[in-house]
N, C-alpha and C. Protein backbone atom coordinates (compact mmCIF):
# COMPACT_ATOMS: atom_id res chain seq x y z
N UNK A 1 86.70 131.21 93.72
CA UNK A 1 88.22 130.89 93.39
C UNK A 1 88.47 129.67 94.19
N UNK A 2 89.29 128.91 93.60
CA UNK A 2 89.51 127.96 94.24
C UNK A 2 90.93 127.95 95.12
N UNK A 3 90.89 127.73 96.43
CA UNK A 3 92.32 128.00 97.39
C UNK A 3 93.58 126.93 96.82
N UNK A 4 94.57 127.27 97.04
CA UNK A 4 95.93 126.88 96.62
C UNK A 4 95.72 125.32 97.46
N UNK A 5 95.46 125.09 98.71
CA UNK A 5 95.40 123.80 99.21
C UNK A 5 94.42 123.10 98.57
N UNK A 6 93.38 123.34 98.20
CA UNK A 6 92.16 122.54 97.87
C UNK A 6 92.82 122.01 96.36
N UNK A 7 93.47 122.94 95.88
CA UNK A 7 93.88 122.54 94.25
C UNK A 7 95.02 121.43 94.48
N UNK A 8 96.03 121.38 95.12
CA UNK A 8 96.89 120.68 95.25
C UNK A 8 96.42 119.35 96.15
N UNK A 9 95.61 119.47 96.91
CA UNK A 9 94.94 118.44 97.55
C UNK A 9 94.17 117.36 96.45
N UNK A 10 93.47 118.27 95.87
CA UNK A 10 92.54 117.29 94.78
C UNK A 10 93.26 117.02 93.86
N UNK A 11 94.27 117.56 93.30
CA UNK A 11 95.20 116.95 92.30
C UNK A 11 95.83 115.50 92.90
N UNK A 12 96.46 115.78 94.21
CA UNK A 12 96.95 114.63 94.62
C UNK A 12 95.93 113.47 94.87
N UNK A 13 94.77 113.90 95.21
CA UNK A 13 93.76 112.76 95.60
C UNK A 13 93.29 112.15 94.07
N UNK A 14 93.21 112.59 92.99
CA UNK A 14 93.11 112.20 91.67
C UNK A 14 94.29 111.14 91.58
N UNK A 15 95.72 111.54 91.62
CA UNK A 15 96.63 110.65 91.53
C UNK A 15 96.75 109.54 92.33
N UNK A 16 96.49 109.81 93.65
CA UNK A 16 96.14 108.52 94.54
C UNK A 16 95.06 107.61 93.97
N UNK A 17 94.11 108.12 93.67
CA UNK A 17 92.95 107.19 93.12
C UNK A 17 93.18 106.42 91.98
N UNK A 18 93.98 107.14 90.81
CA UNK A 18 94.42 106.45 89.80
C UNK A 18 95.47 105.25 90.31
N UNK A 19 96.36 105.65 91.02
CA UNK A 19 97.45 104.48 91.52
C UNK A 19 96.49 103.32 92.19
N UNK A 20 95.58 103.78 93.22
CA UNK A 20 94.68 102.60 93.65
C UNK A 20 93.96 101.62 92.88
N UNK A 21 93.27 102.49 91.66
CA UNK A 21 92.73 101.91 90.77
C UNK A 21 93.56 100.77 89.96
N UNK A 22 94.69 101.22 89.63
CA UNK A 22 95.56 100.63 88.74
C UNK A 22 95.98 99.24 89.48
N UNK A 23 96.40 99.46 90.90
CA UNK A 23 96.68 98.45 91.61
C UNK A 23 95.66 97.24 91.89
N UNK A 24 94.50 97.97 92.21
CA UNK A 24 93.32 96.79 92.01
C UNK A 24 93.11 96.16 90.92
N UNK A 25 93.16 96.67 89.52
CA UNK A 25 93.06 96.06 88.35
C UNK A 25 94.38 95.12 88.05
N UNK A 26 95.43 95.58 88.57
CA UNK A 26 96.58 94.53 88.62
C UNK A 26 96.28 93.21 89.24
N UNK A 27 95.81 93.54 90.58
CA UNK A 27 95.61 92.49 91.38
C UNK A 27 94.26 91.49 90.93
N UNK A 28 93.59 92.09 90.30
CA UNK A 28 92.39 91.41 89.47
C UNK A 28 92.80 90.49 88.53
N UNK A 29 93.89 91.13 87.69
CA UNK A 29 94.45 90.15 86.50
C UNK A 29 95.23 89.18 87.02
N UNK A 30 96.01 89.17 88.17
CA UNK A 30 96.54 88.16 88.63
C UNK A 30 95.65 87.15 89.63
N UNK A 31 94.36 87.46 89.44
CA UNK A 31 93.55 86.62 90.40
C UNK A 31 93.75 85.12 90.14
N UNK A 32 93.77 84.71 88.68
CA UNK A 32 93.82 82.97 88.29
C UNK A 32 94.82 82.55 88.68
N UNK A 33 96.15 83.35 88.68
CA UNK A 33 97.28 82.82 89.20
C UNK A 33 97.43 82.30 90.49
N UNK A 34 96.79 83.57 91.36
CA UNK A 34 96.62 83.22 92.85
C UNK A 34 95.81 82.09 93.03
N UNK A 35 94.80 82.03 92.53
CA UNK A 35 93.59 81.06 92.94
C UNK A 35 94.28 79.59 92.69
N UNK A 36 94.99 79.42 91.70
CA UNK A 36 95.54 78.23 91.52
C UNK A 36 97.01 77.90 91.95
N UNK A 37 97.62 78.98 93.21
CA UNK A 37 98.80 79.17 93.58
C UNK A 37 98.59 78.59 94.90
N UNK A 38 99.80 78.61 95.75
CA UNK A 38 99.58 78.13 97.17
C UNK A 38 98.68 79.16 97.90
N UNK A 39 98.26 78.66 99.09
CA UNK A 39 97.62 79.19 100.14
C UNK A 39 98.11 80.69 100.40
N UNK A 40 99.40 80.79 100.65
CA UNK A 40 99.81 82.06 101.05
C UNK A 40 99.75 83.42 100.06
N UNK A 41 99.60 82.76 98.93
CA UNK A 41 99.36 83.97 97.92
C UNK A 41 97.84 84.54 98.09
N UNK A 42 97.07 83.36 98.16
CA UNK A 42 95.59 83.77 98.60
C UNK A 42 95.37 84.56 99.73
N UNK A 43 96.09 84.58 100.72
CA UNK A 43 95.82 85.15 102.15
C UNK A 43 96.38 86.65 101.67
N UNK A 44 97.59 86.49 101.12
CA UNK A 44 98.22 87.82 100.54
C UNK A 44 97.47 88.89 99.54
N UNK A 45 96.43 87.87 98.79
CA UNK A 45 95.95 88.80 98.01
C UNK A 45 94.65 89.37 98.72
N UNK A 46 94.11 88.77 99.53
CA UNK A 46 93.10 89.21 100.65
C UNK A 46 93.59 90.31 101.35
N UNK A 47 94.85 90.34 101.99
CA UNK A 47 95.16 91.40 102.64
C UNK A 47 95.68 92.66 101.67
N UNK A 48 95.99 92.35 100.54
CA UNK A 48 96.36 93.61 99.54
C UNK A 48 94.78 94.17 99.24
N UNK A 49 93.70 93.36 98.91
CA UNK A 49 92.30 93.76 98.81
C UNK A 49 92.07 94.87 100.11
N UNK A 50 92.19 94.45 101.16
CA UNK A 50 91.90 95.15 102.47
C UNK A 50 92.46 96.57 102.44
N UNK A 51 93.93 96.32 102.04
CA UNK A 51 94.74 97.59 101.83
C UNK A 51 94.28 98.67 101.03
N UNK A 52 94.06 98.05 99.81
CA UNK A 52 93.55 99.09 98.83
C UNK A 52 91.98 99.50 99.07
N UNK A 53 91.39 98.74 99.79
CA UNK A 53 90.00 99.26 100.16
C UNK A 53 89.96 100.49 101.40
N UNK A 54 90.93 100.41 101.88
CA UNK A 54 91.39 101.23 102.99
C UNK A 54 91.81 102.51 102.49
N UNK A 55 92.46 102.52 101.29
CA UNK A 55 93.05 103.42 100.21
C UNK A 55 91.88 104.34 99.92
N UNK A 56 90.99 103.56 99.44
CA UNK A 56 89.73 104.14 98.62
C UNK A 56 89.07 104.59 99.68
N UNK A 57 88.84 104.19 100.76
CA UNK A 57 87.78 104.75 101.65
C UNK A 57 88.20 106.04 102.14
N UNK A 58 89.94 106.11 102.39
CA UNK A 58 90.29 107.51 102.95
C UNK A 58 90.39 108.52 101.81
N UNK A 59 90.61 108.09 100.49
CA UNK A 59 90.47 109.11 99.53
C UNK A 59 89.02 109.82 99.37
N UNK A 60 87.96 108.73 99.34
CA UNK A 60 86.73 109.17 99.40
C UNK A 60 86.20 110.06 100.49
N UNK A 61 86.84 109.72 101.63
CA UNK A 61 86.52 110.63 102.92
C UNK A 61 87.04 112.17 102.95
N UNK A 62 88.38 112.13 102.10
CA UNK A 62 89.05 113.37 102.32
C UNK A 62 88.68 114.23 100.98
N UNK A 63 88.05 113.32 100.00
CA UNK A 63 87.30 114.08 99.04
C UNK A 63 86.15 114.80 99.13
N UNK A 64 85.26 114.06 100.02
CA UNK A 64 84.17 114.61 100.63
C UNK A 64 84.44 115.74 101.76
N UNK A 65 85.44 115.81 102.32
CA UNK A 65 85.85 116.76 103.37
C UNK A 65 86.09 118.09 102.48
N UNK A 66 86.92 117.98 101.24
CA UNK A 66 87.17 118.64 100.43
C UNK A 66 86.23 119.87 99.65
N UNK A 67 85.26 118.68 99.24
CA UNK A 67 84.01 119.47 98.68
C UNK A 67 82.99 120.03 99.54
N UNK A 68 82.91 119.78 101.00
CA UNK A 68 82.50 120.43 101.87
C UNK A 68 82.71 121.48 102.65
N UNK A 69 84.10 121.76 102.50
CA UNK A 69 84.84 122.65 102.85
C UNK A 69 85.69 123.57 102.16
N UNK A 70 85.03 125.01 101.63
CA UNK A 70 85.32 125.64 100.67
C UNK A 70 86.85 126.51 101.20
N UNK A 71 86.76 126.71 102.41
CA UNK A 71 87.91 127.28 103.11
C UNK A 71 89.26 126.50 103.43
N UNK A 72 90.31 126.99 103.01
CA UNK A 72 91.41 126.09 103.56
C UNK A 72 91.42 125.81 105.19
N UNK A 73 91.09 126.78 106.03
CA UNK A 73 91.13 126.46 107.14
C UNK A 73 90.25 125.71 107.84
N UNK A 74 88.97 125.46 107.10
CA UNK A 74 87.92 124.58 107.53
C UNK A 74 88.35 123.10 106.99
N UNK A 75 88.94 123.29 105.75
CA UNK A 75 89.25 121.81 105.55
C UNK A 75 90.44 121.33 106.30
N UNK A 76 91.26 122.15 106.66
CA UNK A 76 92.45 121.63 107.38
C UNK A 76 92.07 121.18 108.84
N UNK A 77 91.30 121.85 109.43
CA UNK A 77 90.40 121.53 111.00
C UNK A 77 89.80 120.23 110.57
N UNK A 78 88.90 119.83 109.77
CA UNK A 78 88.36 118.80 109.25
C UNK A 78 89.06 117.54 108.89
N UNK A 79 89.95 117.96 108.15
CA UNK A 79 91.05 116.68 107.82
C UNK A 79 91.69 116.25 108.91
N UNK A 80 92.20 117.23 109.83
CA UNK A 80 93.01 116.97 110.97
C UNK A 80 92.06 116.03 111.92
N UNK A 81 90.88 116.15 112.16
CA UNK A 81 89.85 115.61 112.89
C UNK A 81 89.75 114.04 112.54
N UNK A 82 89.48 114.08 111.17
CA UNK A 82 89.44 112.94 110.50
C UNK A 82 90.65 112.03 110.66
N UNK A 83 91.64 112.66 110.34
CA UNK A 83 92.91 111.92 110.45
C UNK A 83 93.42 111.26 111.93
N UNK A 84 92.94 112.34 112.83
CA UNK A 84 93.07 111.77 114.14
C UNK A 84 92.17 110.54 114.73
N UNK A 85 91.13 110.55 113.85
CA UNK A 85 90.13 109.39 114.18
C UNK A 85 90.92 108.11 113.83
N UNK A 86 91.48 108.18 112.51
CA UNK A 86 92.01 106.92 111.83
C UNK A 86 93.28 106.61 112.55
N UNK A 87 94.14 107.37 112.93
CA UNK A 87 95.19 107.20 113.47
C UNK A 87 94.89 106.56 114.82
N UNK A 88 93.94 107.15 115.47
CA UNK A 88 93.80 106.27 116.75
C UNK A 88 93.27 104.86 116.60
N UNK A 89 92.34 104.58 115.73
CA UNK A 89 91.89 103.45 115.36
C UNK A 89 93.24 102.58 115.07
N UNK A 90 93.98 103.04 114.14
CA UNK A 90 95.04 102.42 113.59
C UNK A 90 96.18 102.24 114.58
N UNK A 91 96.27 102.76 115.63
CA UNK A 91 97.29 102.59 116.90
C UNK A 91 96.62 101.70 117.73
N UNK A 92 95.27 101.67 118.16
CA UNK A 92 94.59 100.75 118.55
C UNK A 92 94.83 99.16 118.05
N UNK A 93 94.71 99.33 116.74
CA UNK A 93 94.83 98.16 116.12
C UNK A 93 96.28 97.27 116.24
N UNK A 94 97.06 98.32 116.13
CA UNK A 94 98.42 97.97 116.29
C UNK A 94 98.85 97.21 117.44
N UNK A 95 98.35 97.92 118.60
CA UNK A 95 98.33 97.46 119.83
C UNK A 95 97.82 96.04 120.02
N UNK A 96 96.84 96.05 119.51
CA UNK A 96 95.97 94.40 119.63
C UNK A 96 96.87 93.20 119.17
N UNK A 97 97.64 93.98 117.78
CA UNK A 97 98.30 92.72 117.24
C UNK A 97 99.49 92.58 118.25
N UNK A 98 100.29 93.55 118.76
CA UNK A 98 101.23 93.47 119.29
C UNK A 98 101.13 92.54 120.80
N UNK A 99 99.96 92.82 121.26
CA UNK A 99 99.66 92.10 122.43
C UNK A 99 98.86 90.74 122.14
N UNK A 100 98.85 90.36 120.93
CA UNK A 100 97.86 89.16 120.59
C UNK A 100 98.98 87.96 120.81
N UNK A 101 98.60 86.81 121.75
CA UNK A 101 99.25 85.87 121.84
C UNK A 101 98.99 84.66 121.22
N UNK A 102 97.53 84.43 120.81
CA UNK A 102 97.14 83.50 120.15
C UNK A 102 95.87 84.10 119.16
N UNK A 103 95.94 83.79 117.95
CA UNK A 103 94.64 84.22 116.98
C UNK A 103 93.45 84.10 117.63
N UNK A 104 92.52 85.00 117.49
CA UNK A 104 90.96 84.98 117.87
C UNK A 104 90.34 84.36 117.03
N UNK A 105 88.91 83.94 117.08
CA UNK A 105 88.13 83.32 116.21
C UNK A 105 87.70 84.25 115.17
N UNK A 106 87.57 85.54 115.34
CA UNK A 106 87.60 86.75 114.48
C UNK A 106 88.65 87.18 113.75
N UNK A 107 89.83 86.41 113.74
CA UNK A 107 91.30 86.84 113.52
C UNK A 107 91.26 87.54 112.02
N UNK A 108 90.59 86.84 111.15
CA UNK A 108 90.50 87.20 109.90
C UNK A 108 89.83 88.61 109.70
N UNK A 109 88.79 88.74 110.35
CA UNK A 109 87.97 90.37 110.14
C UNK A 109 89.11 91.36 111.25
N UNK A 110 89.79 90.94 112.16
CA UNK A 110 90.75 91.81 112.76
C UNK A 110 91.81 92.30 111.87
N UNK A 111 92.31 91.15 111.12
CA UNK A 111 93.46 91.28 110.17
C UNK A 111 93.04 92.20 108.88
N UNK A 112 91.92 92.09 108.57
CA UNK A 112 91.65 92.63 107.39
C UNK A 112 91.00 94.33 107.72
N UNK A 113 90.78 94.41 108.86
CA UNK A 113 90.45 95.91 109.59
C UNK A 113 91.69 96.49 109.56
N UNK A 114 92.96 95.68 110.26
CA UNK A 114 94.04 96.44 110.53
C UNK A 114 94.57 96.70 108.99
N UNK A 115 94.73 96.03 108.10
CA UNK A 115 95.06 96.52 106.68
C UNK A 115 94.08 97.61 106.25
N UNK A 116 92.96 97.53 106.35
CA UNK A 116 92.32 98.66 105.86
C UNK A 116 92.76 99.95 106.42
N UNK A 117 92.82 99.89 107.36
CA UNK A 117 93.38 101.19 108.62
C UNK A 117 95.07 101.57 108.01
N UNK A 118 95.86 100.36 107.76
CA UNK A 118 97.23 100.75 107.12
C UNK A 118 96.92 101.36 105.68
N UNK A 119 95.94 101.00 104.85
CA UNK A 119 95.83 101.78 103.49
C UNK A 119 95.15 103.41 103.86
N UNK A 120 94.47 103.42 104.67
CA UNK A 120 93.89 104.90 105.22
C UNK A 120 94.94 105.67 105.55
N UNK A 121 95.68 104.97 106.39
CA UNK A 121 96.83 105.88 107.06
C UNK A 121 97.86 106.33 105.84
N UNK A 122 98.27 105.47 104.86
CA UNK A 122 99.14 105.68 103.84
C UNK A 122 98.67 106.97 103.20
N UNK A 123 97.55 107.16 102.90
CA UNK A 123 96.81 107.90 102.10
C UNK A 123 96.87 109.30 103.11
N UNK A 124 96.50 109.35 104.26
CA UNK A 124 96.24 110.37 105.17
C UNK A 124 97.85 110.98 105.32
N UNK A 125 98.69 110.25 105.25
CA UNK A 125 99.88 110.67 105.56
C UNK A 125 100.52 111.45 104.34
N UNK A 126 100.15 110.87 102.94
CA UNK A 126 100.41 111.63 101.92
C UNK A 126 99.82 112.93 101.97
N UNK A 127 98.50 112.90 102.07
CA UNK A 127 97.82 114.29 101.92
C UNK A 127 98.44 115.16 102.88
N UNK A 128 98.65 114.84 104.19
CA UNK A 128 99.28 115.62 105.20
C UNK A 128 100.70 116.25 104.77
N UNK A 129 101.22 115.30 104.19
CA UNK A 129 102.52 115.90 103.68
C UNK A 129 102.53 116.89 102.38
N UNK A 130 101.34 116.66 101.74
CA UNK A 130 101.05 117.45 100.54
C UNK A 130 100.71 118.94 101.21
N UNK A 131 99.81 118.82 102.25
CA UNK A 131 99.36 120.09 102.71
C UNK A 131 100.70 120.81 103.42
N UNK A 132 101.53 120.31 104.04
CA UNK A 132 102.81 120.77 104.90
C UNK A 132 103.55 121.23 103.68
N UNK A 133 103.78 120.68 102.74
CA UNK A 133 104.74 121.25 101.73
C UNK A 133 103.84 122.74 100.92
N UNK A 134 102.54 122.65 100.73
CA UNK A 134 101.85 123.65 100.27
C UNK A 134 101.93 125.13 101.39
N UNK A 135 101.89 124.65 102.65
CA UNK A 135 102.10 125.87 103.52
C UNK A 135 103.22 126.66 103.61
N UNK A 136 104.70 125.89 103.28
CA UNK A 136 105.81 126.32 103.11
C UNK A 136 105.88 127.29 101.93
């Protein structure tokens, strides 16, 4: 028998995956307009892709935890550990940006990584809220 938290988290993950897939599809359809447009649109597109890839990475990670843990308590524990790891990385990345006086040579990699972490954090926050709402 499937546990209540498993059911709502799985449903939420499907919705989030569909939303992410739709946004990526929209982004790909507007590719031609962006490639012929101003440079800032090209940069924004790259950041959007990093953000969506981060969302997909978090969805896959949480789905894997969900499939590997049949008990709600074990799922919550592993989700919390995963969340803490991503949030720590996000906070470290945000701190780097805050203290950055001049862009470094690998600024593109740092920026893409930060946007990926932002996407992951969005998914984690959404699932965390879903779990909290289910617990009450």
